[in-house]
Amino acid sequence: MPPPTAQQIIDAQRQDWNRMSGGWERWDRFFEQNLTCLNHRLVADARLRAGHHVLDLGSGTGYPALLAA
């Protein structure tokens, strides 16, 4: 069996994300309301300054990375 093409991988990822998006939408407000203090603490503990670069390696909802930006 030949390896999947780049487009097949993209299509499969899109299908996976579309399948899971309902769960993210359902729980998004809960995470935002209950994890705000944790997100701010994570970013504060990183001691980021202007000019620093941040790489988000799967921080869940992405709020810490957005806050860092």
PDB file of N, CA and C in Angstrom:
ATOM      1  N   MET A   1       0.846  -1.172   0.000  1.00  0.00           N
ATOM      2  CA  MET A   1       0.000   0.000   0.000  1.00  0.00           C
ATOM      3  C   MET A   1       0.898   1.244   0.000  1.00  0.00           C
ATOM      4  N   PRO A   2       0.666   2.167  -0.935  1.00  0.00           N
ATOM      5  CA  PRO A   2       1.494   3.384  -0.978  1.00  0.00           C
ATOM      6  C   PRO A   2       1.176   4.306   0.192  1.00  0.00           C
ATOM      7  N   PRO A   3       2.141   5.113   0.606  1.00  0.00           N
ATOM      8  CA  PRO A   3       1.887   6.056   1.699  1.00  0.00           C
ATOM      9  C   PRO A   3       0.835   7.088   1.269  1.00  0.00           C
ATOM     10  N   PRO A   4       0.114   7.651   2.233  1.00  0.00           N
ATOM     11  CA  PRO A   4      -0.904   8.641   1.882  1.00  0.00           C
ATOM     12  C   PRO A   4      -0.265   9.906   1.309  1.00  0.00           C
ATOM     13  N   THR A   5      -1.009  10.548   0.460  1.00  0.00           N
ATOM     14  CA  THR A   5      -0.541  11.822  -0.096  1.00  0.00           C
ATOM     15  C   THR A   5      -0.735  12.924   0.945  1.00  0.00           C
ATOM     16  N   ALA A   6      -0.102  14.046   0.699  1.00  0.00           N
ATOM     17  CA  ALA A   6      -0.264  15.181   1.610  1.00  0.00           C
ATOM     18  C   ALA A   6      -1.730  15.594   1.692  1.00  0.00           C
ATOM     19  N   GLN A   7      -2.426  15.595   0.570  1.00  0.00           N
ATOM     20  CA  GLN A   7      -3.833  15.991   0.569  1.00  0.00           C
ATOM     21  C   GLN A   7      -4.683  15.000   1.350  1.00  0.00           C
ATOM     22  N   GLN A   8      -4.383  13.720   1.276  1.00  0.00           N
ATOM     23  CA  GLN A   8      -5.130  12.724   2.055  1.00  0.00           C
ATOM     24  C   GLN A   8      -4.919  12.926   3.552  1.00  0.00           C
ATOM     25  N   ILE A   9      -3.712  13.263   3.939  1.00  0.00           N
ATOM     26  CA  ILE A   9      -3.430  13.536   5.354  1.00  0.00           C
ATOM     27  C   ILE A   9      -4.196  14.775   5.808  1.00  0.00           C
ATOM     28  N   ILE A  10      -4.179  15.828   5.001  1.00  0.00           N
ATOM     29  CA  ILE A  10      -4.910  17.052   5.331  1.00  0.00           C
ATOM     30  C   ILE A  10      -6.397  16.769   5.456  1.00  0.00           C
ATOM     31  N   ASP A  11      -6.940  16.013   4.510  1.00  0.00           N
ATOM     32  CA  ASP A  11      -8.367  15.686   4.547  1.00  0.00           C
ATOM     33  C   ASP A  11      -8.724  14.870   5.786  1.00  0.00           C
ATOM     34  N   ALA A  12      -7.873  13.915   6.150  1.00  0.00           N
ATOM     35  CA  ALA A  12      -8.124  13.096   7.341  1.00  0.00           C
ATOM     36  C   ALA A  12      -8.078  13.946   8.604  1.00  0.00           C
ATOM     37  N   GLN A  13      -7.120  14.871   8.682  1.00  0.00           N
ATOM     38  CA  GLN A  13      -7.038  15.766   9.837  1.00  0.00           C
ATOM     39  C   GLN A  13      -8.273  16.653   9.925  1.00  0.00           C
ATOM     40  N   ARG A  14      -8.710  17.161   8.792  1.00  0.00           N
ATOM     41  CA  ARG A  14      -9.907  18.013   8.771  1.00  0.00           C
ATOM     42  C   ARG A  14     -11.120  17.223   9.274  1.00  0.00           C
ATOM     43  N   GLN A  15     -11.262  15.992   8.827  1.00  0.00           N
ATOM     44  CA  GLN A  15     -12.379  15.155   9.282  1.00  0.00           C
ATOM     45  C   GLN A  15     -12.308  14.915  10.786  1.00  0.00           C
ATOM     46  N   ASP A  16     -11.110  14.630  11.287  1.00  0.00           N
ATOM     47  CA  ASP A  16     -10.948  14.404  12.735  1.00  0.00           C
ATOM     48  C   ASP A  16     -11.328  15.646  13.528  1.00  0.00           C
ATOM     49  N   TRP A  17     -10.834  16.809  13.107  1.00  0.00           N
ATOM     50  CA  TRP A  17     -11.140  18.046  13.826  1.00  0.00           C
ATOM     51  C   TRP A  17     -12.629  18.381  13.743  1.00  0.00           C
ATOM     52  N   ASN A  18     -13.222  18.174  12.594  1.00  0.00           N
ATOM     53  CA  ASN A  18     -14.662  18.432  12.455  1.00  0.00           C
ATOM     54  C   ASN A  18     -15.473  17.505  13.364  1.00  0.00           C
ATOM     55  N   ARG A  19     -15.030  16.265  13.492  1.00  0.00           N
ATOM     56  CA  ARG A  19     -15.728  15.306  14.352  1.00  0.00           C
ATOM     57  C   ARG A  19     -15.634  15.714  15.824  1.00  0.00           C
ATOM     58  N   MET A  20     -14.503  16.300  16.225  1.00  0.00           N
ATOM     59  CA  MET A  20     -14.275  16.648  17.627  1.00  0.00           C
ATOM     60  C   MET A  20     -14.727  18.059  17.989  1.00  0.00           C
ATOM     61  N   SER A  21     -15.029  18.889  17.002  1.00  0.00           N
ATOM     62  CA  SER A  21     -15.303  20.305  17.264  1.00  0.00           C
ATOM     63  C   SER A  21     -16.498  20.525  18.178  1.00  0.00           C
ATOM     64  N   GLY A  22     -17.496  19.655  18.120  1.00  0.00           N
ATOM     65  CA  GLY A  22     -18.651  19.800  18.994  1.00  0.00           C
ATOM     66  C   GLY A  22     -18.271  19.747  20.469  1.00  0.00           C
ATOM     67  N   GLY A  23     -17.357  18.862  20.804  1.00  0.00           N
ATOM     68  CA  GLY A  23     -16.897  18.756  22.188  1.00  0.00           C
ATOM     69  C   GLY A  23     -16.165  20.002  22.639  1.00  0.00           C
ATOM     70  N   TRP A  24     -15.321  20.535  21.773  1.00  0.00           N
ATOM     71  CA  TRP A  24     -14.612  21.768  22.121  1.00  0.00           C
ATOM     72  C   TRP A  24     -15.597  22.909  22.312  1.00  0.00           C
ATOM     73  N   GLU A  25     -16.570  23.017  21.433  1.00  0.00           N
ATOM     74  CA  GLU A  25     -17.563  24.085  21.569  1.00  0.00           C
ATOM     75  C   GLU A  25     -18.361  23.921  22.857  1.00  0.00           C
ATOM     76  N   ARG A  26     -18.670  22.692  23.194  1.00  0.00           N
ATOM     77  CA  ARG A  26     -19.462  22.413  24.392  1.00  0.00           C
ATOM     78  C   ARG A  26     -18.729  22.801  25.675  1.00  0.00           C
ATOM     79  N   TRP A  27     -17.434  22.560  25.728  1.00  0.00           N
ATOM     80  CA  TRP A  27     -16.665  22.760  26.954  1.00  0.00           C
ATOM     81  C   TRP A  27     -15.837  24.036  26.960  1.00  0.00           C
ATOM     82  N   ASP A  28     -15.831  24.788  25.879  1.00  0.00           N
ATOM     83  CA  ASP A  28     -14.972  25.966  25.768  1.00  0.00           C
ATOM     84  C   ASP A  28     -15.236  26.986  26.872  1.00  0.00           C
ATOM     85  N   ARG A  29     -16.468  27.321  27.098  1.00  0.00           N
ATOM     86  CA  ARG A  29     -16.797  28.317  28.130  1.00  0.00           C
ATOM     87  C   ARG A  29     -16.358  27.839  29.519  1.00  0.00           C
ATOM     88  N   PHE A  30     -16.564  26.558  29.815  1.00  0.00           N
ATOM     89  CA  PHE A  30     -16.151  25.998  31.095  1.00  0.00           C
ATOM     90  C   PHE A  30     -14.643  26.166  31.300  1.00  0.00           C
ATOM     91  N   PHE A  31     -13.857  25.783  30.284  1.00  0.00           N
ATOM     92  CA  PHE A  31     -12.406  25.903  30.395  1.00  0.00           C
ATOM     93  C   PHE A  31     -11.985  27.351  30.551  1.00  0.00           C
ATOM     94  N   GLU A  32     -12.602  28.234  29.784  1.00  0.00           N
ATOM     95  CA  GLU A  32     -12.232  29.638  29.862  1.00  0.00           C
ATOM     96  C   GLU A  32     -12.525  30.205  31.250  1.00  0.00           C
ATOM     97  N   GLN A  33     -13.681  29.887  31.803  1.00  0.00           N
ATOM     98  CA  GLN A  33     -14.067  30.423  33.104  1.00  0.00           C
ATOM     99  C   GLN A  33     -13.249  29.826  34.245  1.00  0.00           C
ATOM    100  N   ASN A  34     -12.926  28.551  34.151  1.00  0.00           N
ATOM    101  CA  ASN A  34     -12.304  27.873  35.288  1.00  0.00           C
ATOM    102  C   ASN A  34     -10.788  27.777  35.221  1.00  0.00           C
ATOM    103  N   LEU A  35     -10.223  28.037  34.075  1.00  0.00           N
ATOM    104  CA  LEU A  35      -8.772  27.913  33.957  1.00  0.00           C
ATOM    105  C   LEU A  35      -8.069  29.242  33.698  1.00  0.00           C
ATOM    106  N   THR A  36      -8.818  30.332  33.747  1.00  0.00           N
ATOM    107  CA  THR A  36      -8.218  31.637  33.480  1.00  0.00           C
ATOM    108  C   THR A  36      -7.053  31.919  34.423  1.00  0.00           C
ATOM    109  N   CYS A  37      -7.228  31.668  35.704  1.00  0.00           N
ATOM    110  CA  CYS A  37      -6.148  31.948  36.659  1.00  0.00           C
ATOM    111  C   CYS A  37      -4.931  31.067  36.375  1.00  0.00           C
ATOM    112  N   LEU A  38      -5.151  29.825  35.987  1.00  0.00           N
ATOM    113  CA  LEU A  38      -4.039  28.934  35.660  1.00  0.00           C
ATOM    114  C   LEU A  38      -3.301  29.425  34.413  1.00  0.00           C
ATOM    115  N   ASN A  39      -4.052  29.844  33.401  1.00  0.00           N
ATOM    116  CA  ASN A  39      -3.423  30.347  32.177  1.00  0.00           C
ATOM    117  C   ASN A  39      -2.552  31.563  32.465  1.00  0.00           C
ATOM    118  N   HIS A  40      -3.059  32.487  33.265  1.00  0.00           N
ATOM    119  CA  HIS A  40      -2.276  33.676  33.613  1.00  0.00           C
ATOM    120  C   HIS A  40      -1.041  33.289  34.417  1.00  0.00           C
ATOM    121  N   ARG A  41      -1.180  32.325  35.283  1.00  0.00           N
ATOM    122  CA  ARG A  41      -0.028  31.873  36.083  1.00  0.00           C
ATOM    123  C   ARG A  41       1.035  31.225  35.194  1.00  0.00           C
ATOM    124  N   LEU A  42       0.606  30.401  34.244  1.00  0.00           N
ATOM    125  CA  LEU A  42       1.556  29.761  33.329  1.00  0.00           C
ATOM    126  C   LEU A  42       2.364  30.799  32.559  1.00  0.00           C
ATOM    127  N   VAL A  43       1.681  31.801  32.056  1.00  0.00           N
ATOM    128  CA  VAL A  43       2.360  32.831  31.275  1.00  0.00           C
ATOM    129  C   VAL A  43       3.250  33.684  32.178  1.00  0.00           C
ATOM    130  N   ALA A  44       2.771  34.019  33.357  1.00  0.00           N
ATOM    131  CA  ALA A  44       3.588  34.810  34.290  1.00  0.00           C
ATOM    132  C   ALA A  44       4.849  34.047  34.691  1.00  0.00           C
ATOM    133  N   ASP A  45       4.704  32.757  34.967  1.00  0.00           N
ATOM    134  CA  ASP A  45       5.861  31.954  35.365  1.00  0.00           C
ATOM    135  C   ASP A  45       6.890  31.814  34.239  1.00  0.00           C
ATOM    136  N   ALA A  46       6.441  31.960  33.007  1.00  0.00           N
ATOM    137  CA  ALA A  46       7.370  31.876  31.872  1.00  0.00           C
ATOM    138  C   ALA A  46       8.239  33.123  31.763  1.00  0.00           C
ATOM    139  N   ARG A  47       7.835  34.201  32.433  1.00  0.00           N
ATOM    140  CA  ARG A  47       8.581  35.467  32.430  1.00  0.00           C
ATOM    141  C   ARG A  47       8.911  35.933  31.004  1.00  0.00           C
ATOM    142  N   LEU A  48       7.884  35.935  30.177  1.00  0.00           N
ATOM    143  CA  LEU A  48       8.055  36.356  28.788  1.00  0.00           C
ATOM    144  C   LEU A  48       8.295  37.855  28.699  1.00  0.00           C
ATOM    145  N   ARG A  49       9.103  38.239  27.744  1.00  0.00           N
ATOM    146  CA  ARG A  49       9.394  39.641  27.495  1.00  0.00           C
ATOM    147  C   ARG A  49       9.292  39.897  25.995  1.00  0.00           C
ATOM    148  N   ALA A  50       9.183  41.159  25.634  1.00  0.00           N
ATOM    149  CA  ALA A  50       9.140  41.526  24.223  1.00  0.00           C
ATOM    150  C   ALA A  50      10.347  40.942  23.507  1.00  0.00           C
ATOM    151  N   GLY A  51      10.113  40.355  22.368  1.00  0.00           N
ATOM    152  CA  GLY A  51      11.187  39.758  21.591  1.00  0.00           C
ATOM    153  C   GLY A  51      11.361  38.271  21.818  1.00  0.00           C
ATOM    154  N   HIS A  52      10.763  37.720  22.872  1.00  0.00           N
ATOM    155  CA  HIS A  52      10.833  36.281  23.106  1.00  0.00           C
ATOM    156  C   HIS A  52       9.961  35.556  22.086  1.00  0.00           C
ATOM    157  N   HIS A  53      10.319  34.330  21.823  1.00  0.00           N
ATOM    158  CA  HIS A  53       9.540  33.484  20.929  1.00  0.00           C
ATOM    159  C   HIS A  53       8.883  32.394  21.756  1.00  0.00           C
ATOM    160  N   VAL A  54       7.637  32.038  21.395  1.00  0.00           N
ATOM    161  CA  VAL A  54       6.898  31.010  22.116  1.00  0.00           C
ATOM    162  C   VAL A  54       6.462  29.942  21.126  1.00  0.00           C
ATOM    163  N   LEU A  55       6.694  28.697  21.463  1.00  0.00           N
ATOM    164  CA  LEU A  55       6.248  27.573  20.649  1.00  0.00           C
ATOM    165  C   LEU A  55       5.211  26.803  21.453  1.00  0.00           C
ATOM    166  N   ASP A  56       4.004  26.736  20.947  1.00  0.00           N
ATOM    167  CA  ASP A  56       2.911  26.028  21.609  1.00  0.00           C
ATOM    168  C   ASP A  56       2.974  24.566  21.195  1.00  0.00           C
ATOM    169  N   LEU A  57       3.278  23.711  22.141  1.00  0.00           N
ATOM    170  CA  LEU A  57       3.354  22.277  21.867  1.00  0.00           C
ATOM    171  C   LEU A  57       2.180  21.548  22.514  1.00  0.00           C
ATOM    172  N   GLY A  58       0.991  21.931  22.118  1.00  0.00           N
ATOM    173  CA  GLY A  58      -0.184  21.231  22.606  1.00  0.00           C
ATOM    174  C   GLY A  58      -0.620  21.695  23.970  1.00  0.00           C
ATOM    175  N   SER A  59      -0.903  22.973  24.122  1.00  0.00           N
ATOM    176  CA  SER A  59      -1.336  23.485  25.423  1.00  0.00           C
ATOM    177  C   SER A  59      -2.854  23.400  25.559  1.00  0.00           C
ATOM    178  N   GLY A  60      -3.437  22.365  25.036  1.00  0.00           N
ATOM    179  CA  GLY A  60      -4.884  22.154  25.201  1.00  0.00           C
ATOM    180  C   GLY A  60      -5.690  23.109  24.343  1.00  0.00           C
ATOM    181  N   THR A  61      -6.430  23.978  24.982  1.00  0.00           N
ATOM    182  CA  THR A  61      -7.320  24.890  24.267  1.00  0.00           C
ATOM    183  C   THR A  61      -6.575  25.990  23.536  1.00  0.00           C
ATOM    184  N   GLY A  62      -5.323  26.185  23.851  1.00  0.00           N
ATOM    185  CA  GLY A  62      -4.535  27.223  23.205  1.00  0.00           C
ATOM    186  C   GLY A  62      -4.578  28.561  23.925  1.00  0.00           C
ATOM    187  N   TYR A  63      -5.359  28.667  24.995  1.00  0.00           N
ATOM    188  CA  TYR A  63      -5.463  29.938  25.697  1.00  0.00           C
ATOM    189  C   TYR A  63      -4.132  30.432  26.246  1.00  0.00           C
ATOM    190  N   PRO A  64      -3.287  29.568  26.824  1.00  0.00           N
ATOM    191  CA  PRO A  64      -1.999  30.095  27.298  1.00  0.00           C
ATOM    192  C   PRO A  64      -1.171  30.688  26.160  1.00  0.00           C
ATOM    193  N   ALA A  65      -1.182  30.066  24.996  1.00  0.00           N
ATOM    194  CA  ALA A  65      -0.415  30.585  23.875  1.00  0.00           C
ATOM    195  C   ALA A  65      -0.993  31.913  23.383  1.00  0.00           C
ATOM    196  N   LEU A  66      -2.313  32.016  23.349  1.00  0.00           N
ATOM    197  CA  LEU A  66      -2.939  33.263  22.936  1.00  0.00           C
ATOM    198  C   LEU A  66      -2.642  34.378  23.933  1.00  0.00           C
ATOM    199  N   LEU A  67      -2.679  34.038  25.209  1.00  0.00           N
ATOM    200  CA  LEU A  67      -2.362  35.017  26.241  1.00  0.00           C
ATOM    201  C   LEU A  67      -0.893  35.447  26.134  1.00  0.00           C
ATOM    202  N   ALA A  68      -0.018  34.521  25.871  1.00  0.00           N
ATOM    203  CA  ALA A  68       1.399  34.833  25.723  1.00  0.00           C
ATOM    204  C   ALA A  68       1.631  35.766  24.545  1.00  0.00           C
ATOM    205  N   ALA A  69       0.865  35.566  23.494  1.00  0.00           N
ATOM    206  CA  ALA A  69       1.027  36.407  22.299  1.00  0.00           C
ATOM    207  C   ALA A  69       0.637  37.834  22.624  1.00  0.00           C
TER     208      ALA A  69
END
